[in-house]
Amino acid sequence: MGVSALKEVFSDLRKKQVQVYFASAKIPVRDMFEKCNFYEFVSKENFYPTLRDATGIARLRQNEFGFIDTSRVPEFDEVSNVTNNLPNH
């Protein structure tokens, strides 16, 4: 059910021209995606090892398409700081 929900959300966001990236997916999750053929629906190019990598590529792609973010872009990604300090389960 979870994979179906992800497919639906991904599809809905893409229809609205929202780029979707996945970050920090654990090995069991990636294995499940492989078994469920999720990568046939969502390309592996949309997956990144860290949140910082995903947000970095999103910013680059925004700039490529002329969507320059004029708001504050912190030198250090505060979200990555929080997620990197979470215990691994």
PDB file of N, CA and C in Angstrom:
ATOM      1  N   MET A   1       0.817  -1.200   0.000  1.00  0.00           N
ATOM      2  CA  MET A   1       0.000   0.000   0.000  1.00  0.00           C
ATOM      3  C   MET A   1       0.857   1.258   0.000  1.00  0.00           C
ATOM      4  N   GLY A   2       1.954   1.241   0.757  1.00  0.00           N
ATOM      5  CA  GLY A   2       2.819   2.415   0.845  1.00  0.00           C
ATOM      6  C   GLY A   2       3.415   2.790  -0.492  1.00  0.00           C
ATOM      7  N   VAL A   3       3.837   1.789  -1.260  1.00  0.00           N
ATOM      8  CA  VAL A   3       4.428   2.047  -2.573  1.00  0.00           C
ATOM      9  C   VAL A   3       3.375   2.630  -3.507  1.00  0.00           C
ATOM     10  N   SER A   4       2.163   2.105  -3.441  1.00  0.00           N
ATOM     11  CA  SER A   4       1.074   2.647  -4.279  1.00  0.00           C
ATOM     12  C   SER A   4       0.792   4.102  -3.922  1.00  0.00           C
ATOM     13  N   ALA A   5       0.800   4.411  -2.645  1.00  0.00           N
ATOM     14  CA  ALA A   5       0.569   5.795  -2.210  1.00  0.00           C
ATOM     15  C   ALA A   5       1.688   6.705  -2.702  1.00  0.00           C
ATOM     16  N   LEU A   6       2.938   6.245  -2.619  1.00  0.00           N
ATOM     17  CA  LEU A   6       4.062   7.042  -3.127  1.00  0.00           C
ATOM     18  C   LEU A   6       3.935   7.290  -4.624  1.00  0.00           C
ATOM     19  N   LYS A   7       3.526   6.269  -5.363  1.00  0.00           N
ATOM     20  CA  LYS A   7       3.332   6.429  -6.807  1.00  0.00           C
ATOM     21  C   LYS A   7       2.273   7.483  -7.093  1.00  0.00           C
ATOM     22  N   GLU A   8       1.181   7.427  -6.338  1.00  0.00           N
ATOM     23  CA  GLU A   8       0.091   8.380  -6.545  1.00  0.00           C
ATOM     24  C   GLU A   8       0.530   9.808  -6.223  1.00  0.00           C
ATOM     25  N   VAL A   9       1.216   9.984  -5.103  1.00  0.00           N
ATOM     26  CA  VAL A   9       1.697  11.317  -4.718  1.00  0.00           C
ATOM     27  C   VAL A   9       2.696  11.824  -5.748  1.00  0.00           C
ATOM     28  N   PHE A  10       3.617  10.958  -6.155  1.00  0.00           N
ATOM     29  CA  PHE A  10       4.610  11.334  -7.162  1.00  0.00           C
ATOM     30  C   PHE A  10       3.925  11.778  -8.447  1.00  0.00           C
ATOM     31  N   SER A  11       2.959  10.995  -8.900  1.00  0.00           N
ATOM     32  CA  SER A  11       2.233  11.306 -10.131  1.00  0.00           C
ATOM     33  C   SER A  11       1.473  12.625 -10.019  1.00  0.00           C
ATOM     34  N   ASP A  12       0.787  12.823  -8.902  1.00  0.00           N
ATOM     35  CA  ASP A  12       0.022  14.055  -8.696  1.00  0.00           C
ATOM     36  C   ASP A  12       0.941  15.280  -8.704  1.00  0.00           C
ATOM     37  N   LEU A  13       2.080  15.169  -8.039  1.00  0.00           N
ATOM     38  CA  LEU A  13       3.009  16.304  -7.991  1.00  0.00           C
ATOM     39  C   LEU A  13       3.626  16.576  -9.355  1.00  0.00           C
ATOM     40  N   ARG A  14       3.962  15.534 -10.090  1.00  0.00           N
ATOM     41  CA  ARG A  14       4.530  15.721 -11.431  1.00  0.00           C
ATOM     42  C   ARG A  14       3.522  16.385 -12.366  1.00  0.00           C
ATOM     43  N   LYS A  15       2.246  16.046 -12.224  1.00  0.00           N
ATOM     44  CA  LYS A  15       1.208  16.687 -13.039  1.00  0.00           C
ATOM     45  C   LYS A  15       1.144  18.187 -12.769  1.00  0.00           C
ATOM     46  N   LYS A  16       1.517  18.573 -11.548  1.00  0.00           N
ATOM     47  CA  LYS A  16       1.553  19.988 -11.169  1.00  0.00           C
ATOM     48  C   LYS A  16       2.918  20.606 -11.430  1.00  0.00           C
ATOM     49  N   GLN A  17       3.763  19.864 -12.157  1.00  0.00           N
ATOM     50  CA  GLN A  17       5.112  20.289 -12.541  1.00  0.00           C
ATOM     51  C   GLN A  17       6.011  20.538 -11.332  1.00  0.00           C
ATOM     52  N   VAL A  18       5.824  19.721 -10.303  1.00  0.00           N
ATOM     53  CA  VAL A  18       6.669  19.776  -9.114  1.00  0.00           C
ATOM     54  C   VAL A  18       7.703  18.660  -9.238  1.00  0.00           C
ATOM     55  N   GLN A  19       8.966  19.023  -9.134  1.00  0.00           N
ATOM     56  CA  GLN A  19      10.031  18.024  -9.155  1.00  0.00           C
ATOM     57  C   GLN A  19      10.056  17.306  -7.810  1.00  0.00           C
ATOM     58  N   VAL A  20      10.183  15.989  -7.842  1.00  0.00           N
ATOM     59  CA  VAL A  20      10.165  15.189  -6.621  1.00  0.00           C
ATOM     60  C   VAL A  20      11.475  14.418  -6.522  1.00  0.00           C
ATOM     61  N   TYR A  21      12.098  14.511  -5.356  1.00  0.00           N
ATOM     62  CA  TYR A  21      13.345  13.807  -5.097  1.00  0.00           C
ATOM     63  C   TYR A  21      13.211  13.025  -3.808  1.00  0.00           C
ATOM     64  N   PHE A  22      13.877  11.895  -3.749  1.00  0.00           N
ATOM     65  CA  PHE A  22      13.896  11.068  -2.556  1.00  0.00           C
ATOM     66  C   PHE A  22      15.304  11.092  -1.983  1.00  0.00           C
ATOM     67  N   ALA A  23      15.395  11.108  -0.650  1.00  0.00           N
ATOM     68  CA  ALA A  23      16.703  11.178  -0.004  1.00  0.00           C
ATOM     69  C   ALA A  23      16.785  10.216   1.168  1.00  0.00           C
ATOM     70  N   SER A  24      17.977   9.701   1.364  1.00  0.00           N
ATOM     71  CA  SER A  24      18.314   8.885   2.537  1.00  0.00           C
ATOM     72  C   SER A  24      17.468   7.626   2.677  1.00  0.00           C
ATOM     73  N   ALA A  25      17.100   7.023   1.568  1.00  0.00           N
ATOM     74  CA  ALA A  25      16.323   5.780   1.634  1.00  0.00           C
ATOM     75  C   ALA A  25      17.238   4.653   2.121  1.00  0.00           C
ATOM     76  N   LYS A  26      16.806   3.970   3.138  1.00  0.00           N
ATOM     77  CA  LYS A  26      17.573   2.858   3.714  1.00  0.00           C
ATOM     78  C   LYS A  26      17.564   1.661   2.759  1.00  0.00           C
ATOM     79  N   ILE A  27      18.537   0.774   2.927  1.00  0.00           N
ATOM     80  CA  ILE A  27      18.678  -0.388   2.055  1.00  0.00           C
ATOM     81  C   ILE A  27      17.400  -1.234   1.991  1.00  0.00           C
ATOM     82  N   PRO A  28      16.743  -1.540   3.117  1.00  0.00           N
ATOM     83  CA  PRO A  28      15.507  -2.347   3.015  1.00  0.00           C
ATOM     84  C   PRO A  28      14.413  -1.656   2.188  1.00  0.00           C
ATOM     85  N   VAL A  29      14.352  -0.348   2.267  1.00  0.00           N
ATOM     86  CA  VAL A  29      13.362   0.401   1.484  1.00  0.00           C
ATOM     87  C   VAL A  29      13.718   0.328   0.005  1.00  0.00           C
ATOM     88  N   ARG A  30      14.988   0.526  -0.315  1.00  0.00           N
ATOM     89  CA  ARG A  30      15.415   0.440  -1.720  1.00  0.00           C
ATOM     90  C   ARG A  30      15.185  -0.961  -2.274  1.00  0.00           C
ATOM     91  N   ASP A  31      15.440  -1.988  -1.450  1.00  0.00           N
ATOM     92  CA  ASP A  31      15.184  -3.367  -1.885  1.00  0.00           C
ATOM     93  C   ASP A  31      13.695  -3.583  -2.171  1.00  0.00           C
ATOM     94  N   MET A  32      12.839  -3.040  -1.299  1.00  0.00           N
ATOM     95  CA  MET A  32      11.400  -3.165  -1.501  1.00  0.00           C
ATOM     96  C   MET A  32      10.985  -2.462  -2.802  1.00  0.00           C
ATOM     97  N   PHE A  33      11.543  -1.268  -3.048  1.00  0.00           N
ATOM     98  CA  PHE A  33      11.235  -0.553  -4.286  1.00  0.00           C
ATOM     99  C   PHE A  33      11.635  -1.381  -5.504  1.00  0.00           C
ATOM    100  N   GLU A  34      12.768  -2.045  -5.399  1.00  0.00           N
ATOM    101  CA  GLU A  34      13.240  -2.887  -6.500  1.00  0.00           C
ATOM    102  C   GLU A  34      12.260  -4.037  -6.740  1.00  0.00           C
ATOM    103  N   LYS A  35      11.853  -4.715  -5.680  1.00  0.00           N
ATOM    104  CA  LYS A  35      10.939  -5.856  -5.798  1.00  0.00           C
ATOM    105  C   LYS A  35       9.561  -5.445  -6.299  1.00  0.00           C
ATOM    106  N   CYS A  36       9.139  -4.239  -5.966  1.00  0.00           N
ATOM    107  CA  CYS A  36       7.809  -3.741  -6.370  1.00  0.00           C
ATOM    108  C   CYS A  36       7.830  -3.017  -7.709  1.00  0.00           C
ATOM    109  N   ASN A  37       8.978  -3.010  -8.378  1.00  0.00           N
ATOM    110  CA  ASN A  37       9.145  -2.323  -9.669  1.00  0.00           C
ATOM    111  C   ASN A  37       8.880  -0.823  -9.569  1.00  0.00           C
ATOM    112  N   PHE A  38       9.132  -0.264  -8.407  1.00  0.00           N
ATOM    113  CA  PHE A  38       8.926   1.170  -8.197  1.00  0.00           C
ATOM    114  C   PHE A  38       9.839   1.997  -9.097  1.00  0.00           C
ATOM    115  N   TYR A  39      11.040   1.480  -9.350  1.00  0.00           N
ATOM    116  CA  TYR A  39      12.007   2.222 -10.165  1.00  0.00           C
ATOM    117  C   TYR A  39      11.597   2.300 -11.634  1.00  0.00           C
ATOM    118  N   GLU A  40      10.652   1.472 -12.044  1.00  0.00           N
ATOM    119  CA  GLU A  40      10.112   1.599 -13.399  1.00  0.00           C
ATOM    120  C   GLU A  40       9.160   2.787 -13.478  1.00  0.00           C
ATOM    121  N   PHE A  41       8.601   3.162 -12.353  1.00  0.00           N
ATOM    122  CA  PHE A  41       7.670   4.291 -12.276  1.00  0.00           C
ATOM    123  C   PHE A  41       8.406   5.580 -11.918  1.00  0.00           C
ATOM    124  N   VAL A  42       9.337   5.488 -10.969  1.00  0.00           N
ATOM    125  CA  VAL A  42      10.142   6.627 -10.527  1.00  0.00           C
ATOM    126  C   VAL A  42      11.598   6.278 -10.787  1.00  0.00           C
ATOM    127  N   SER A  43      12.232   7.017 -11.647  1.00  0.00           N
ATOM    128  CA  SER A  43      13.613   6.740 -12.018  1.00  0.00           C
ATOM    129  C   SER A  43      14.559   6.831 -10.820  1.00  0.00           C
ATOM    130  N   LYS A  44      15.592   6.002 -10.833  1.00  0.00           N
ATOM    131  CA  LYS A  44      16.600   6.045  -9.776  1.00  0.00           C
ATOM    132  C   LYS A  44      17.325   7.392  -9.752  1.00  0.00           C
ATOM    133  N   GLU A  45      17.217   8.146 -10.822  1.00  0.00           N
ATOM    134  CA  GLU A  45      17.821   9.483 -10.878  1.00  0.00           C
ATOM    135  C   GLU A  45      17.149  10.444  -9.905  1.00  0.00           C
ATOM    136  N   ASN A  46      16.006  10.065  -9.366  1.00  0.00           N
ATOM    137  CA  ASN A  46      15.286  10.901  -8.405  1.00  0.00           C
ATOM    138  C   ASN A  46      15.674  10.579  -6.963  1.00  0.00           C
ATOM    139  N   PHE A  47      16.633   9.680  -6.778  1.00  0.00           N
ATOM    140  CA  PHE A  47      17.056   9.256  -5.448  1.00  0.00           C
ATOM    141  C   PHE A  47      18.460   9.757  -5.156  1.00  0.00           C
ATOM    142  N   TYR A  48      18.641  10.264  -3.928  1.00  0.00           N
ATOM    143  CA  TYR A  48      19.925  10.816  -3.510  1.00  0.00           C
ATOM    144  C   TYR A  48      20.304  10.281  -2.139  1.00  0.00           C
ATOM    145  N   PRO A  49      21.602  10.122  -1.896  1.00  0.00           N
ATOM    146  CA  PRO A  49      22.026   9.524  -0.626  1.00  0.00           C
ATOM    147  C   PRO A  49      21.739  10.374   0.602  1.00  0.00           C
ATOM    148  N   THR A  50      21.702  11.698   0.441  1.00  0.00           N
ATOM    149  CA  THR A  50      21.451  12.569   1.591  1.00  0.00           C
ATOM    150  C   THR A  50      20.443  13.646   1.223  1.00  0.00           C
ATOM    151  N   LEU A  51      19.846  14.233   2.237  1.00  0.00           N
ATOM    152  CA  LEU A  51      18.927  15.344   2.024  1.00  0.00           C
ATOM    153  C   LEU A  51      19.665  16.530   1.418  1.00  0.00           C
ATOM    154  N   ARG A  52      20.887  16.734   1.835  1.00  0.00           N
ATOM    155  CA  ARG A  52      21.699  17.817   1.285  1.00  0.00           C
ATOM    156  C   ARG A  52      21.902  17.638  -0.222  1.00  0.00           C
ATOM    157  N   ASP A  53      22.174  16.405  -0.650  1.00  0.00           N
ATOM    158  CA  ASP A  53      22.342  16.136  -2.077  1.00  0.00           C
ATOM    159  C   ASP A  53      21.057  16.433  -2.851  1.00  0.00           C
ATOM    160  N   ALA A  54      19.933  15.996  -2.319  1.00  0.00           N
ATOM    161  CA  ALA A  54      18.644  16.206  -2.992  1.00  0.00           C
ATOM    162  C   ALA A  54      18.306  17.690  -3.084  1.00  0.00           C
ATOM    163  N   THR A  55      18.492  18.428  -1.987  1.00  0.00           N
ATOM    164  CA  THR A  55      18.178  19.859  -2.030  1.00  0.00           C
ATOM    165  C   THR A  55      19.175  20.608  -2.907  1.00  0.00           C
ATOM    166  N   GLY A  56      20.409  20.143  -2.914  1.00  0.00           N
ATOM    167  CA  GLY A  56      21.417  20.780  -3.774  1.00  0.00           C
ATOM    168  C   GLY A  56      21.065  20.648  -5.245  1.00  0.00           C
ATOM    169  N   ILE A  57      20.683  19.441  -5.668  1.00  0.00           N
ATOM    170  CA  ILE A  57      20.321  19.249  -7.074  1.00  0.00           C
ATOM    171  C   ILE A  57      19.032  19.996  -7.401  1.00  0.00           C
ATOM    172  N   ALA A  58      18.113  20.070  -6.454  1.00  0.00           N
ATOM    173  CA  ALA A  58      16.877  20.821  -6.682  1.00  0.00           C
ATOM    174  C   ALA A  58      17.192  22.295  -6.918  1.00  0.00           C
ATOM    175  N   ARG A  59      18.101  22.854  -6.125  1.00  0.00           N
ATOM    176  CA  ARG A  59      18.480  24.263  -6.310  1.00  0.00           C
ATOM    177  C   ARG A  59      19.156  24.475  -7.653  1.00  0.00           C
ATOM    178  N   LEU A  60      20.042  23.549  -8.036  1.00  0.00           N
ATOM    179  CA  LEU A  60      20.701  23.669  -9.335  1.00  0.00           C
ATOM    180  C   LEU A  60      19.695  23.627 -10.472  1.00  0.00           C
ATOM    181  N   ARG A  61      18.767  22.714 -10.400  1.00  0.00           N
ATOM    182  CA  ARG A  61      17.759  22.590 -11.469  1.00  0.00           C
ATOM    183  C   ARG A  61      16.828  23.789 -11.499  1.00  0.00           C
ATOM    184  N   GLN A  62      16.515  24.337 -10.340  1.00  0.00           N
ATOM    185  CA  GLN A  62      15.699  25.561 -10.320  1.00  0.00           C
ATOM    186  C   GLN A  62      16.434  26.676 -11.042  1.00  0.00           C
ATOM    187  N   ASN A  63      17.709  26.818 -10.762  1.00  0.00           N
ATOM    188  CA  ASN A  63      18.501  27.871 -11.400  1.00  0.00           C
ATOM    189  C   ASN A  63      18.601  27.641 -12.899  1.00  0.00           C
ATOM    190  N   GLU A  64      18.712  26.385 -13.330  1.00  0.00           N
ATOM    191  CA  GLU A  64      18.777  26.064 -14.757  1.00  0.00           C
ATOM    192  C   GLU A  64      17.516  26.518 -15.483  1.00  0.00           C
ATOM    193  N   PHE A  65      16.382  26.416 -14.805  1.00  0.00           N
ATOM    194  CA  PHE A  65      15.114  26.786 -15.421  1.00  0.00           C
ATOM    195  C   PHE A  65      14.710  28.218 -15.116  1.00  0.00           C
ATOM    196  N   GLY A  66      15.603  28.970 -14.487  1.00  0.00           N
ATOM    197  CA  GLY A  66      15.339  30.377 -14.239  1.00  0.00           C
ATOM    198  C   GLY A  66      14.541  30.686 -13.001  1.00  0.00           C
ATOM    199  N   PHE A  67      14.335  29.701 -12.140  1.00  0.00           N
ATOM    200  CA  PHE A  67      13.611  29.925 -10.888  1.00  0.00           C
ATOM    201  C   PHE A  67      14.619  30.216  -9.792  1.00  0.00           C
ATOM    202  N   ILE A  68      15.086  31.426  -9.766  1.00  0.00           N
ATOM    203  CA  ILE A  68      16.101  31.801  -8.799  1.00  0.00           C
ATOM    204  C   ILE A  68      15.437  32.155  -7.483  1.00  0.00           C
ATOM    205  N   ASP A  69      15.851  31.465  -6.451  1.00  0.00           N
ATOM    206  CA  ASP A  69      15.311  31.686  -5.110  1.00  0.00           C
ATOM    207  C   ASP A  69      15.988  32.912  -4.521  1.00  0.00           C
ATOM    208  N   THR A  70      15.214  33.945  -4.271  1.00  0.00           N
ATOM    209  CA  THR A  70      15.782  35.179  -3.726  1.00  0.00           C
ATOM    210  C   THR A  70      15.744  35.208  -2.211  1.00  0.00           C
ATOM    211  N   SER A  71      15.163  34.166  -1.622  1.00  0.00           N
ATOM    212  CA  SER A  71      15.147  34.107  -0.159  1.00  0.00           C
ATOM    213  C   SER A  71      16.499  33.648   0.350  1.00  0.00           C
ATOM    214  N   ARG A  72      16.667  33.705   1.650  1.00  0.00           N
ATOM    215  CA  ARG A  72      17.934  33.325   2.275  1.00  0.00           C
ATOM    216  C   ARG A  72      18.216  31.848   2.010  1.00  0.00           C
ATOM    217  N   VAL A  73      19.388  31.560   1.482  1.00  0.00           N
ATOM    218  CA  VAL A  73      19.844  30.188   1.316  1.00  0.00           C
ATOM    219  C   VAL A  73      20.990  30.004   2.303  1.00  0.00           C
ATOM    220  N   PRO A  74      20.731  29.248   3.381  1.00  0.00           N
ATOM    221  CA  PRO A  74      21.751  29.125   4.414  1.00  0.00           C
ATOM    222  C   PRO A  74      22.998  28.406   3.896  1.00  0.00           C
ATOM    223  N   GLU A  75      24.144  28.836   4.396  1.00  0.00           N
ATOM    224  CA  GLU A  75      25.400  28.187   4.015  1.00  0.00           C
ATOM    225  C   GLU A  75      25.403  26.741   4.500  1.00  0.00           C
ATOM    226  N   PHE A  76      24.789  26.517   5.660  1.00  0.00           N
ATOM    227  CA  PHE A  76      24.698  25.174   6.206  1.00  0.00           C
ATOM    228  C   PHE A  76      23.241  24.775   6.214  1.00  0.00           C
ATOM    229  N   ASP A  77      22.940  23.657   5.637  1.00  0.00           N
ATOM    230  CA  ASP A  77      21.573  23.175   5.540  1.00  0.00           C
ATOM    231  C   ASP A  77      21.097  22.703   6.913  1.00  0.00           C
ATOM    232  N   GLU A  78      20.201  23.454   7.541  1.00  0.00           N
ATOM    233  CA  GLU A  78      19.747  23.160   8.895  1.00  0.00           C
ATOM    234  C   GLU A  78      18.983  21.836   8.969  1.00  0.00           C
ATOM    235  N   VAL A  79      18.255  21.471   7.927  1.00  0.00           N
ATOM    236  CA  VAL A  79      17.519  20.216   7.934  1.00  0.00           C
ATOM    237  C   VAL A  79      18.488  19.039   7.961  1.00  0.00           C
ATOM    238  N   SER A  80      19.580  19.125   7.186  1.00  0.00           N
ATOM    239  CA  SER A  80      20.574  18.062   7.205  1.00  0.00           C
ATOM    240  C   SER A  80      21.197  17.927   8.574  1.00  0.00           C
ATOM    241  N   ASN A  81      21.419  19.042   9.252  1.00  0.00           N
ATOM    242  CA  ASN A  81      21.983  19.002  10.592  1.00  0.00           C
ATOM    243  C   ASN A  81      21.074  18.209  11.526  1.00  0.00           C
ATOM    244  N   VAL A  82      19.785  18.434  11.432  1.00  0.00           N
ATOM    245  CA  VAL A  82      18.835  17.729  12.291  1.00  0.00           C
ATOM    246  C   VAL A  82      18.797  16.251  11.933  1.00  0.00           C
ATOM    247  N   THR A  83      18.650  15.935  10.642  1.00  0.00           N
ATOM    248  CA  THR A  83      18.511  14.528  10.255  1.00  0.00           C
ATOM    249  C   THR A  83      19.793  13.743  10.478  1.00  0.00           C
ATOM    250  N   ASN A  84      20.942  14.384  10.354  1.00  0.00           N
ATOM    251  CA  ASN A  84      22.204  13.683  10.588  1.00  0.00           C
ATOM    252  C   ASN A  84      22.415  13.351  12.051  1.00  0.00           C
ATOM    253  N   ASN A  85      21.734  14.040  12.936  1.00  0.00           N
ATOM    254  CA  ASN A  85      21.886  13.792  14.359  1.00  0.00           C
ATOM    255  C   ASN A  85      20.828  12.845  14.917  1.00  0.00           C
ATOM    256  N   LEU A  86      19.946  12.351  14.056  1.00  0.00           N
ATOM    257  CA  LEU A  86      18.948  11.384  14.499  1.00  0.00           C
ATOM    258  C   LEU A  86      19.588  10.014  14.618  1.00  0.00           C
ATOM    259  N   PRO A  87      19.193   9.234  15.605  1.00  0.00           N
ATOM    260  CA  PRO A  87      19.758   7.873  15.694  1.00  0.00           C
ATOM    261  C   PRO A  87      19.245   7.016  14.553  1.00  0.00           C
ATOM    262  N   ASN A  88      20.093   6.134  14.060  1.00  0.00           N
ATOM    263  CA  ASN A  88      19.697   5.217  12.981  1.00  0.00           C
ATOM    264  C   ASN A  88      18.914   4.055  13.573  1.00  0.00           C
ATOM    265  N   HIS A  89      17.774   3.763  12.964  1.00  0.00           N
ATOM    266  CA  HIS A  89      16.945   2.650  13.449  1.00  0.00           C
ATOM    267  C   HIS A  89      16.975   1.542  12.450  1.00  0.00           C
TER     268      HIS A  89
END
